[in-house]
Amino acid sequence: MTTPALLRAFRFAVSLTPSAAGGNGVNPRAKPLTGGAFQECSGLTLEADVKDHLEGGRNDSVRRFIGRAKLQPITLKRGMFAAAANGYANTELWDWFQNIVAGRYPVRRYDGVIVVRTTYDNSPMAIWNFRRGLPLKVVGPTLNAQTGEVAIEELQIVHEGLRLHNTDPAPGGPA
């Protein structure tokens, strides 16, 4: 009996592409976000909202019904100083959030694909898609002159749906 291959958490890639504008097509002015040398990805979580219904005269149990799904923010952590073509840190992810602070509306939404690859042939083993992501929080790196650690920044993205695929999803299809 062979042991099934387990998902390895260290071989993953994240891509962020512009969401369809109003559901009618890709915004022609928006471009994919780059600079994603991510070291950590979390928030691949779905949780059911359970409603309790207390029935009169029935004191020995509670009836429960499933409500809406709760979606957690996707949290991406990366090395801040992944250099862009000009040699400086790539700031596209930071700028996405900065546009909200500066009052540049509408805020661009991005669909995300998180692919976990096998260690032996680099083929996709699991693919998560989230759709219509917005930046929730951005955290700059903690700088400490006493350590030689990589400066890590964090980006949290709220989204409108998360799916896990065991095959490549159709391009342009719903997440």
N, C-alpha and C. Protein backbone atom coordinates (compact mmCIF):
# COMPACT_ATOMS: atom_id res chain seq x y z
N MET A 1 0.84 -1.18 0.00
CA MET A 1 0.00 0.00 0.00
C MET A 1 0.89 1.24 0.00
N THR A 2 0.65 2.13 -0.94
CA THR A 2 1.45 3.36 -1.02
C THR A 2 0.84 4.45 -0.17
N THR A 3 1.70 5.25 0.40
CA THR A 3 1.27 6.39 1.20
C THR A 3 0.96 7.55 0.26
N PRO A 4 -0.17 8.22 0.43
CA PRO A 4 -0.48 9.34 -0.45
C PRO A 4 0.48 10.50 -0.23
N ALA A 5 0.77 11.22 -1.31
CA ALA A 5 1.63 12.40 -1.20
C ALA A 5 0.90 13.47 -0.40
N LEU A 6 1.60 14.06 0.53
CA LEU A 6 1.01 15.10 1.36
C LEU A 6 1.34 16.47 0.80
N LEU A 7 0.45 17.40 1.03
CA LEU A 7 0.63 18.77 0.59
C LEU A 7 1.76 19.41 1.37
N ARG A 8 2.76 19.93 0.70
CA ARG A 8 3.89 20.60 1.34
C ARG A 8 3.63 22.10 1.35
N ALA A 9 3.73 22.70 2.51
CA ALA A 9 3.35 24.10 2.69
C ALA A 9 4.38 25.10 2.18
N PHE A 10 5.57 24.65 1.82
CA PHE A 10 6.62 25.60 1.44
C PHE A 10 6.73 25.84 -0.05
N ARG A 11 5.95 25.16 -0.87
CA ARG A 11 6.03 25.32 -2.32
C ARG A 11 4.73 25.92 -2.85
N PHE A 12 4.59 27.23 -2.70
CA PHE A 12 3.36 27.86 -3.16
C PHE A 12 3.68 29.17 -3.89
N ALA A 13 2.74 29.60 -4.70
CA ALA A 13 2.85 30.86 -5.43
C ALA A 13 1.50 31.55 -5.38
N VAL A 14 1.54 32.88 -5.34
CA VAL A 14 0.33 33.69 -5.28
C VAL A 14 0.35 34.65 -6.45
N SER A 15 -0.78 34.78 -7.13
CA SER A 15 -0.89 35.79 -8.19
C SER A 15 -2.17 36.58 -7.99
N LEU A 16 -2.10 37.87 -8.30
CA LEU A 16 -3.24 38.77 -8.17
C LEU A 16 -3.49 39.43 -9.51
N THR A 17 -4.67 39.19 -10.07
CA THR A 17 -5.03 39.75 -11.37
C THR A 17 -6.28 40.61 -11.21
N PRO A 18 -6.45 41.61 -12.06
CA PRO A 18 -7.60 42.50 -11.92
C PRO A 18 -8.92 41.74 -12.02
N SER A 19 -9.85 42.09 -11.14
CA SER A 19 -11.20 41.52 -11.21
C SER A 19 -11.94 42.09 -12.40
N ALA A 20 -12.92 41.36 -12.86
CA ALA A 20 -13.75 41.85 -13.95
C ALA A 20 -14.46 43.12 -13.51
N ALA A 21 -14.48 44.11 -14.39
CA ALA A 21 -15.13 45.39 -14.09
C ALA A 21 -16.63 45.22 -14.20
N GLY A 22 -17.32 45.26 -13.07
CA GLY A 22 -18.76 45.12 -13.07
C GLY A 22 -19.25 43.77 -13.55
N GLY A 23 -18.36 42.79 -13.60
CA GLY A 23 -18.75 41.46 -14.05
C GLY A 23 -18.81 41.34 -15.56
N ASN A 24 -18.44 42.41 -16.30
CA ASN A 24 -18.57 42.39 -17.75
C ASN A 24 -17.25 42.24 -18.50
N GLY A 25 -16.16 42.09 -17.79
CA GLY A 25 -14.87 41.97 -18.44
C GLY A 25 -13.79 42.57 -17.57
N VAL A 26 -12.55 42.34 -17.96
CA VAL A 26 -11.42 42.83 -17.19
C VAL A 26 -11.23 44.32 -17.43
N ASN A 27 -10.95 45.04 -16.36
CA ASN A 27 -10.67 46.47 -16.45
C ASN A 27 -9.41 46.65 -17.29
N PRO A 28 -9.49 47.30 -18.45
CA PRO A 28 -8.33 47.39 -19.33
C PRO A 28 -7.19 48.24 -18.76
N ARG A 29 -7.49 49.12 -17.80
CA ARG A 29 -6.45 49.98 -17.23
C ARG A 29 -5.70 49.32 -16.09
N ALA A 30 -6.26 48.28 -15.51
CA ALA A 30 -5.62 47.62 -14.38
C ALA A 30 -4.66 46.54 -14.87
N LYS A 31 -3.57 46.38 -14.16
CA LYS A 31 -2.60 45.34 -14.52
C LYS A 31 -2.40 44.43 -13.32
N PRO A 32 -1.90 43.22 -13.55
CA PRO A 32 -1.66 42.32 -12.42
C PRO A 32 -0.68 42.95 -11.43
N LEU A 33 -0.87 42.63 -10.14
CA LEU A 33 0.07 43.07 -9.12
C LEU A 33 1.23 42.10 -9.08
N THR A 34 2.43 42.63 -9.00
CA THR A 34 3.62 41.78 -8.97
C THR A 34 4.39 42.03 -7.68
N GLY A 35 5.53 41.46 -7.58
CA GLY A 35 6.36 41.65 -6.40
C GLY A 35 6.00 40.69 -5.29
N GLY A 36 5.37 39.57 -5.64
CA GLY A 36 4.89 38.64 -4.64
C GLY A 36 5.86 37.54 -4.29
N ALA A 37 6.96 37.87 -3.63
CA ALA A 37 7.86 36.85 -3.12
C ALA A 37 7.38 36.51 -1.71
N PHE A 38 6.26 35.83 -1.63
CA PHE A 38 5.61 35.60 -0.33
C PHE A 38 6.26 34.47 0.44
N GLN A 39 6.42 34.69 1.74
CA GLN A 39 6.96 33.67 2.62
C GLN A 39 5.87 32.93 3.37
N GLU A 40 4.69 33.54 3.45
CA GLU A 40 3.62 32.92 4.23
C GLU A 40 2.28 33.36 3.67
N CYS A 41 1.33 32.45 3.66
CA CYS A 41 -0.04 32.73 3.24
C CYS A 41 -0.97 32.04 4.23
N SER A 42 -1.89 32.79 4.82
CA SER A 42 -2.86 32.20 5.74
C SER A 42 -4.23 32.80 5.44
N GLY A 43 -5.24 32.23 6.06
CA GLY A 43 -6.61 32.71 5.85
C GLY A 43 -7.40 31.89 4.85
N LEU A 44 -6.88 30.74 4.47
CA LEU A 44 -7.61 29.85 3.55
C LEU A 44 -8.64 29.11 4.39
N THR A 45 -9.63 29.87 4.85
CA THR A 45 -10.57 29.38 5.84
C THR A 45 -12.00 29.68 5.42
N LEU A 46 -12.85 28.67 5.51
CA LEU A 46 -14.30 28.85 5.38
C LEU A 46 -14.93 28.38 6.68
N GLU A 47 -15.89 29.13 7.17
CA GLU A 47 -16.55 28.78 8.42
C GLU A 47 -18.05 29.02 8.25
N ALA A 48 -18.85 28.10 8.73
CA ALA A 48 -20.31 28.24 8.62
C ALA A 48 -20.82 29.06 9.80
N ASP A 49 -21.79 29.91 9.52
CA ASP A 49 -22.48 30.65 10.56
C ASP A 49 -23.68 29.78 10.97
N VAL A 50 -23.67 29.31 12.20
CA VAL A 50 -24.71 28.41 12.68
C VAL A 50 -25.71 29.20 13.52
N LYS A 51 -26.99 29.03 13.22
CA LYS A 51 -28.07 29.70 13.96
C LYS A 51 -28.73 28.69 14.88
N ASP A 52 -28.82 29.05 16.14
CA ASP A 52 -29.53 28.22 17.12
C ASP A 52 -30.99 28.62 17.15
N HIS A 53 -31.87 27.62 17.16
CA HIS A 53 -33.30 27.86 17.27
C HIS A 53 -33.79 27.14 18.53
N LEU A 54 -34.22 27.93 19.48
CA LEU A 54 -34.70 27.38 20.75
C LEU A 54 -36.20 27.19 20.66
N GLU A 55 -36.63 25.94 20.73
CA GLU A 55 -38.04 25.63 20.64
C GLU A 55 -38.65 25.59 22.05
N GLY A 56 -39.79 26.21 22.19
CA GLY A 56 -40.49 26.21 23.47
C GLY A 56 -40.89 24.80 23.88
N GLY A 57 -40.66 24.45 25.13
CA GLY A 57 -41.01 23.14 25.64
C GLY A 57 -39.98 22.07 25.34
N ARG A 58 -38.99 22.37 24.53
CA ARG A 58 -37.93 21.39 24.20
C ARG A 58 -36.64 21.85 24.88
N ASN A 59 -36.44 21.43 26.12
CA ASN A 59 -35.33 21.91 26.91
C ASN A 59 -34.10 21.00 26.87
N ASP A 60 -34.20 19.85 26.24
CA ASP A 60 -33.09 18.91 26.23
C ASP A 60 -32.20 19.01 24.99
N SER A 61 -32.54 19.90 24.05
CA SER A 61 -31.71 20.05 22.85
C SER A 61 -31.98 21.39 22.19
N VAL A 62 -31.13 21.70 21.24
CA VAL A 62 -31.23 22.94 20.47
C VAL A 62 -31.20 22.57 18.99
N ARG A 63 -32.11 23.12 18.21
CA ARG A 63 -32.09 22.90 16.76
C ARG A 63 -31.12 23.88 16.14
N ARG A 64 -30.33 23.41 15.22
CA ARG A 64 -29.31 24.26 14.59
C ARG A 64 -29.48 24.25 13.08
N PHE A 65 -29.28 25.43 12.50
CA PHE A 65 -29.40 25.61 11.06
C PHE A 65 -28.16 26.33 10.55
N ILE A 66 -27.76 25.95 9.36
CA ILE A 66 -26.61 26.59 8.72
C ILE A 66 -27.04 27.90 8.10
N GLY A 67 -26.25 28.94 8.35
CA GLY A 67 -26.48 30.26 7.75
C GLY A 67 -25.45 30.53 6.66
N ARG A 68 -25.03 31.75 6.56
CA ARG A 68 -24.04 32.14 5.54
C ARG A 68 -22.64 31.68 5.91
N ALA A 69 -21.82 31.58 4.90
CA ALA A 69 -20.41 31.26 5.13
C ALA A 69 -19.68 32.52 5.61
N LYS A 70 -18.75 32.32 6.52
CA LYS A 70 -17.90 33.41 6.99
C LYS A 70 -16.56 33.27 6.27
N LEU A 71 -16.10 34.35 5.70
CA LEU A 71 -14.84 34.35 4.97
C LEU A 71 -13.79 35.11 5.77
N GLN A 72 -12.64 34.51 5.94
CA GLN A 72 -11.53 35.15 6.66
C GLN A 72 -10.66 35.91 5.66
N PRO A 73 -10.01 36.98 6.10
CA PRO A 73 -9.08 37.66 5.20
C PRO A 73 -7.89 36.75 4.85
N ILE A 74 -7.41 36.88 3.64
CA ILE A 74 -6.18 36.22 3.22
C ILE A 74 -5.03 37.09 3.71
N THR A 75 -4.09 36.51 4.41
CA THR A 75 -2.93 37.24 4.91
C THR A 75 -1.69 36.76 4.18
N LEU A 76 -1.01 37.71 3.55
CA LEU A 76 0.21 37.41 2.80
C LEU A 76 1.38 38.11 3.48
N LYS A 77 2.43 37.37 3.74
CA LYS A 77 3.65 37.95 4.30
C LYS A 77 4.78 37.68 3.33
N ARG A 78 5.64 38.68 3.15
CA ARG A 78 6.72 38.53 2.19
C ARG A 78 7.94 39.31 2.64
N GLY A 79 9.03 39.08 1.95
CA GLY A 79 10.22 39.88 2.16
C GLY A 79 10.02 41.24 1.51
N MET A 80 10.10 42.30 2.28
CA MET A 80 9.84 43.65 1.79
C MET A 80 10.76 44.03 0.65
N PHE A 81 11.98 43.57 0.73
CA PHE A 81 12.95 44.07 -0.22
C PHE A 81 13.17 43.14 -1.40
N ALA A 82 12.08 42.61 -1.94
CA ALA A 82 12.14 41.92 -3.22
C ALA A 82 12.30 43.03 -4.25
N ALA A 83 13.45 43.09 -4.86
CA ALA A 83 13.78 44.23 -5.70
C ALA A 83 12.98 44.25 -7.00
N ALA A 84 12.57 45.46 -7.38
CA ALA A 84 11.94 45.70 -8.67
C ALA A 84 13.05 45.88 -9.71
N ALA A 85 12.67 46.14 -10.94
CA ALA A 85 13.63 46.29 -12.03
C ALA A 85 14.62 47.44 -11.76
N ASN A 86 14.19 48.48 -11.04
CA ASN A 86 15.06 49.63 -10.77
C ASN A 86 15.98 49.40 -9.57
N GLY A 87 15.89 48.23 -8.91
CA GLY A 87 16.74 47.93 -7.78
C GLY A 87 16.14 48.28 -6.44
N TYR A 88 15.10 49.10 -6.43
CA TYR A 88 14.42 49.46 -5.18
C TYR A 88 13.35 48.42 -4.85
N ALA A 89 12.83 48.48 -3.62
CA ALA A 89 11.77 47.55 -3.21
C ALA A 89 10.54 47.74 -4.08
N ASN A 90 9.92 46.64 -4.48
CA ASN A 90 8.68 46.70 -5.25
C ASN A 90 7.55 47.12 -4.30
N THR A 91 6.87 48.22 -4.61
CA THR A 91 5.86 48.78 -3.71
C THR A 91 4.44 48.63 -4.23
N GLU A 92 4.20 47.81 -5.23
CA GLU A 92 2.85 47.72 -5.81
C GLU A 92 1.79 47.31 -4.79
N LEU A 93 2.10 46.34 -3.91
CA LEU A 93 1.11 45.92 -2.92
C LEU A 93 0.84 47.03 -1.91
N TRP A 94 1.88 47.71 -1.49
CA TRP A 94 1.73 48.84 -0.56
C TRP A 94 0.91 49.95 -1.24
N ASP A 95 1.21 50.24 -2.50
CA ASP A 95 0.51 51.30 -3.24
C ASP A 95 -0.98 50.99 -3.40
N TRP A 96 -1.34 49.71 -3.52
CA TRP A 96 -2.75 49.33 -3.64
C TRP A 96 -3.53 49.84 -2.44
N PHE A 97 -2.99 49.65 -1.25
CA PHE A 97 -3.65 50.15 -0.04
C PHE A 97 -3.51 51.67 0.07
N GLN A 98 -2.38 52.21 -0.32
CA GLN A 98 -2.14 53.65 -0.23
C GLN A 98 -3.16 54.44 -1.06
N ASN A 99 -3.66 53.85 -2.14
CA ASN A 99 -4.68 54.51 -2.95
C ASN A 99 -5.95 54.76 -2.16
N ILE A 100 -6.28 53.89 -1.21
CA ILE A 100 -7.44 54.11 -0.34
C ILE A 100 -7.18 55.30 0.57
N VAL A 101 -6.00 55.32 1.18
CA VAL A 101 -5.63 56.41 2.08
C VAL A 101 -5.67 57.76 1.35
N ALA A 102 -5.23 57.76 0.10
CA ALA A 102 -5.19 58.99 -0.70
C ALA A 102 -6.55 59.35 -1.27
N GLY A 103 -7.57 58.51 -1.09
CA GLY A 103 -8.91 58.81 -1.60
C GLY A 103 -9.08 58.58 -3.08
N ARG A 104 -8.28 57.70 -3.67
CA ARG A 104 -8.41 57.39 -5.10
C ARG A 104 -9.44 56.27 -5.26
N TYR A 105 -10.64 56.66 -5.68
CA TYR A 105 -11.72 55.69 -5.84
C TYR A 105 -12.13 55.63 -7.28
N PRO A 106 -12.70 54.56 -7.76
CA PRO A 106 -12.96 53.33 -7.03
C PRO A 106 -11.66 52.56 -6.81
N VAL A 107 -11.62 51.80 -5.72
CA VAL A 107 -10.46 50.97 -5.40
C VAL A 107 -10.48 49.76 -6.32
N ARG A 108 -9.35 49.47 -6.90
CA ARG A 108 -9.26 48.30 -7.78
C ARG A 108 -9.38 47.02 -6.97
N ARG A 109 -10.13 46.09 -7.51
CA ARG A 109 -10.30 44.77 -6.90
C ARG A 109 -9.45 43.78 -7.68
N TYR A 110 -8.93 42.80 -6.95
CA TYR A 110 -8.09 41.78 -7.58
C TYR A 110 -8.57 40.40 -7.19
N ASP A 111 -8.55 39.50 -8.17
CA ASP A 111 -8.80 38.08 -7.94
C ASP A 111 -7.45 37.43 -7.66
N GLY A 112 -7.44 36.45 -6.78
CA GLY A 112 -6.19 35.81 -6.42
C GLY A 112 -6.21 34.32 -6.68
N VAL A 113 -5.06 33.79 -7.02
CA VAL A 113 -4.87 32.36 -7.19
C VAL A 113 -3.67 31.97 -6.34
N ILE A 114 -3.86 30.97 -5.49
CA ILE A 114 -2.80 30.44 -4.64
C ILE A 114 -2.60 28.99 -5.05
N VAL A 115 -1.42 28.68 -5.56
CA VAL A 115 -1.12 27.35 -6.09
C VAL A 115 -0.05 26.70 -5.23
N VAL A 116 -0.33 25.51 -4.72
CA VAL A 116 0.66 24.71 -4.00
C VAL A 116 1.16 23.65 -4.97
N ARG A 117 2.48 23.56 -5.11
CA ARG A 117 3.07 22.66 -6.09
C ARG A 117 3.76 21.47 -5.43
N THR A 118 3.88 20.40 -6.19
CA THR A 118 4.58 19.21 -5.68
C THR A 118 6.08 19.47 -5.65
N THR A 119 6.79 18.69 -4.84
CA THR A 119 8.24 18.84 -4.74
C THR A 119 8.98 18.09 -5.84
N TYR A 120 8.34 17.11 -6.46
CA TYR A 120 9.06 16.27 -7.41
C TYR A 120 8.94 16.71 -8.86
N ASP A 121 7.80 17.28 -9.29
CA ASP A 121 7.72 17.70 -10.69
C ASP A 121 7.10 19.09 -10.85
N ASN A 122 6.91 19.81 -9.75
CA ASN A 122 6.43 21.19 -9.76
C ASN A 122 5.01 21.35 -10.31
N SER A 123 4.26 20.26 -10.40
CA SER A 123 2.89 20.35 -10.91
C SER A 123 1.96 20.83 -9.78
N PRO A 124 0.86 21.49 -10.14
CA PRO A 124 -0.08 21.96 -9.11
C PRO A 124 -0.72 20.79 -8.36
N MET A 125 -0.76 20.92 -7.05
CA MET A 125 -1.38 19.89 -6.22
C MET A 125 -2.68 20.40 -5.61
N ALA A 126 -2.74 21.70 -5.33
CA ALA A 126 -3.95 22.34 -4.81
C ALA A 126 -3.98 23.77 -5.31
N ILE A 127 -5.18 24.22 -5.67
CA ILE A 127 -5.34 25.58 -6.19
C ILE A 127 -6.53 26.23 -5.49
N TRP A 128 -6.27 27.33 -4.79
CA TRP A 128 -7.34 28.12 -4.18
C TRP A 128 -7.51 29.38 -5.01
N ASN A 129 -8.76 29.78 -5.21
CA ASN A 129 -9.08 31.04 -5.87
C ASN A 129 -9.90 31.89 -4.91
N PHE A 130 -9.58 33.15 -4.82
CA PHE A 130 -10.48 34.09 -4.16
C PHE A 130 -10.81 35.18 -5.15
N ARG A 131 -11.99 35.78 -4.97
CA ARG A 131 -12.43 36.77 -5.96
C ARG A 131 -12.76 38.10 -5.32
N ARG A 132 -12.59 39.14 -6.12
CA ARG A 132 -12.93 40.52 -5.77
C ARG A 132 -12.29 40.96 -4.45
N GLY A 133 -10.98 40.77 -4.36
CA GLY A 133 -10.24 41.13 -3.16
C GLY A 133 -10.00 42.63 -3.03
N LEU A 134 -10.05 43.08 -1.79
CA LEU A 134 -9.73 44.47 -1.45
C LEU A 134 -8.71 44.47 -0.33
N PRO A 135 -7.80 45.44 -0.31
CA PRO A 135 -6.83 45.47 0.78
C PRO A 135 -7.50 45.90 2.08
N LEU A 136 -7.27 45.14 3.14
CA LEU A 136 -7.84 45.43 4.45
C LEU A 136 -6.81 46.12 5.35
N LYS A 137 -5.58 45.63 5.28
CA LYS A 137 -4.55 46.12 6.18
C LYS A 137 -3.19 45.89 5.55
N VAL A 138 -2.31 46.85 5.74
CA VAL A 138 -0.93 46.66 5.31
C VAL A 138 -0.04 47.02 6.50
N VAL A 139 0.97 46.19 6.72
CA VAL A 139 1.90 46.38 7.83
C VAL A 139 3.30 46.43 7.26
N GLY A 140 4.02 47.50 7.57
CA GLY A 140 5.41 47.62 7.14
C GLY A 140 6.29 46.71 7.97
N PRO A 141 7.54 46.55 7.55
CA PRO A 141 8.44 45.64 8.26
C PRO A 141 8.88 46.19 9.61
N THR A 142 9.21 45.28 10.51
CA THR A 142 9.86 45.65 11.76
C THR A 142 11.35 45.66 11.48
N LEU A 143 11.97 46.79 11.72
CA LEU A 143 13.40 46.93 11.42
C LEU A 143 14.19 46.83 12.71
N ASN A 144 15.22 45.98 12.70
CA ASN A 144 16.04 45.76 13.88
C ASN A 144 17.48 45.61 13.43
N ALA A 145 18.33 46.54 13.81
CA ALA A 145 19.72 46.54 13.37
C ALA A 145 20.54 45.42 14.02
N GLN A 146 20.02 44.77 15.05
CA GLN A 146 20.77 43.74 15.76
C GLN A 146 20.61 42.35 15.14
N THR A 147 19.69 42.21 14.21
CA THR A 147 19.51 40.90 13.58
C THR A 147 19.76 41.00 12.08
N GLY A 148 20.00 39.90 11.48
CA GLY A 148 20.19 39.87 10.03
C GLY A 148 18.98 39.30 9.32
N GLU A 149 17.80 39.36 9.96
CA GLU A 149 16.60 38.76 9.40
C GLU A 149 16.08 39.56 8.21
N VAL A 150 15.32 38.89 7.36
CA VAL A 150 14.68 39.53 6.23
C VAL A 150 13.55 40.42 6.77
N ALA A 151 13.43 41.63 6.22
CA ALA A 151 12.35 42.53 6.63
C ALA A 151 11.04 42.02 6.03
N ILE A 152 10.07 41.73 6.88
CA ILE A 152 8.80 41.15 6.44
C ILE A 152 7.69 42.18 6.54
N GLU A 153 6.90 42.28 5.49
CA GLU A 153 5.70 43.09 5.55
C GLU A 153 4.49 42.17 5.39
N GLU A 154 3.32 42.70 5.73
CA GLU A 154 2.10 41.88 5.71
C GLU A 154 1.01 42.63 4.97
N LEU A 155 0.23 41.91 4.19
CA LEU A 155 -0.93 42.46 3.50
C LEU A 155 -2.11 41.55 3.79
N GLN A 156 -3.22 42.14 4.27
CA GLN A 156 -4.45 41.38 4.48
C GLN A 156 -5.45 41.79 3.41
N ILE A 157 -6.07 40.79 2.81
CA ILE A 157 -7.02 41.02 1.72
C ILE A 157 -8.36 40.40 2.10
N VAL A 158 -9.43 41.21 2.08
CA VAL A 158 -10.78 40.67 2.24
C VAL A 158 -11.28 40.34 0.84
N HIS A 159 -12.18 39.38 0.76
CA HIS A 159 -12.62 38.91 -0.55
C HIS A 159 -14.08 38.48 -0.48
N GLU A 160 -14.63 38.13 -1.64
CA GLU A 160 -16.05 37.78 -1.74
C GLU A 160 -16.28 36.31 -2.07
N GLY A 161 -15.28 35.49 -1.97
CA GLY A 161 -15.47 34.06 -2.21
C GLY A 161 -14.16 33.33 -2.28
N LEU A 162 -14.14 32.10 -1.77
CA LEU A 162 -12.94 31.27 -1.76
C LEU A 162 -13.31 29.87 -2.20
N ARG A 163 -12.56 29.32 -3.14
CA ARG A 163 -12.80 27.97 -3.63
C ARG A 163 -11.49 27.21 -3.70
N LEU A 164 -11.58 25.90 -3.46
CA LEU A 164 -10.45 24.99 -3.61
C LEU A 164 -10.73 24.11 -4.81
N HIS A 165 -9.77 24.06 -5.73
CA HIS A 165 -9.91 23.26 -6.95
C HIS A 165 -8.88 22.13 -6.92
N ASN A 166 -9.21 20.99 -7.49
CA ASN A 166 -8.23 19.93 -7.64
C ASN A 166 -7.75 19.83 -9.08
N THR A 167 -8.20 20.75 -9.92
CA THR A 167 -7.70 20.87 -11.29
C THR A 167 -7.60 22.36 -11.58
N ASP A 168 -6.95 22.71 -12.68
CA ASP A 168 -6.87 24.12 -13.05
C ASP A 168 -8.27 24.65 -13.34
N PRO A 169 -8.65 25.76 -12.67
CA PRO A 169 -9.95 26.35 -12.98
C PRO A 169 -9.93 26.99 -14.34
N ALA A 170 -11.09 27.09 -14.94
CA ALA A 170 -11.19 27.72 -16.26
C ALA A 170 -10.78 29.17 -16.15
N PRO A 171 -9.88 29.65 -17.06
CA PRO A 171 -9.47 31.05 -16.99
C PRO A 171 -10.67 31.97 -17.17
N GLY A 172 -10.73 32.99 -16.37
CA GLY A 172 -11.82 33.96 -16.47
C GLY A 172 -13.13 33.48 -15.85
N GLY A 173 -13.17 32.25 -15.37
CA GLY A 173 -14.39 31.72 -14.75
C GLY A 173 -14.52 32.19 -13.31
N PRO A 174 -15.66 31.92 -12.69
CA PRO A 174 -15.85 32.35 -11.32
C PRO A 174 -14.92 31.60 -10.38
N ALA A 175 -14.52 32.32 -9.34
CA ALA A 175 -13.63 31.70 -8.35
C ALA A 175 -14.38 30.72 -7.51
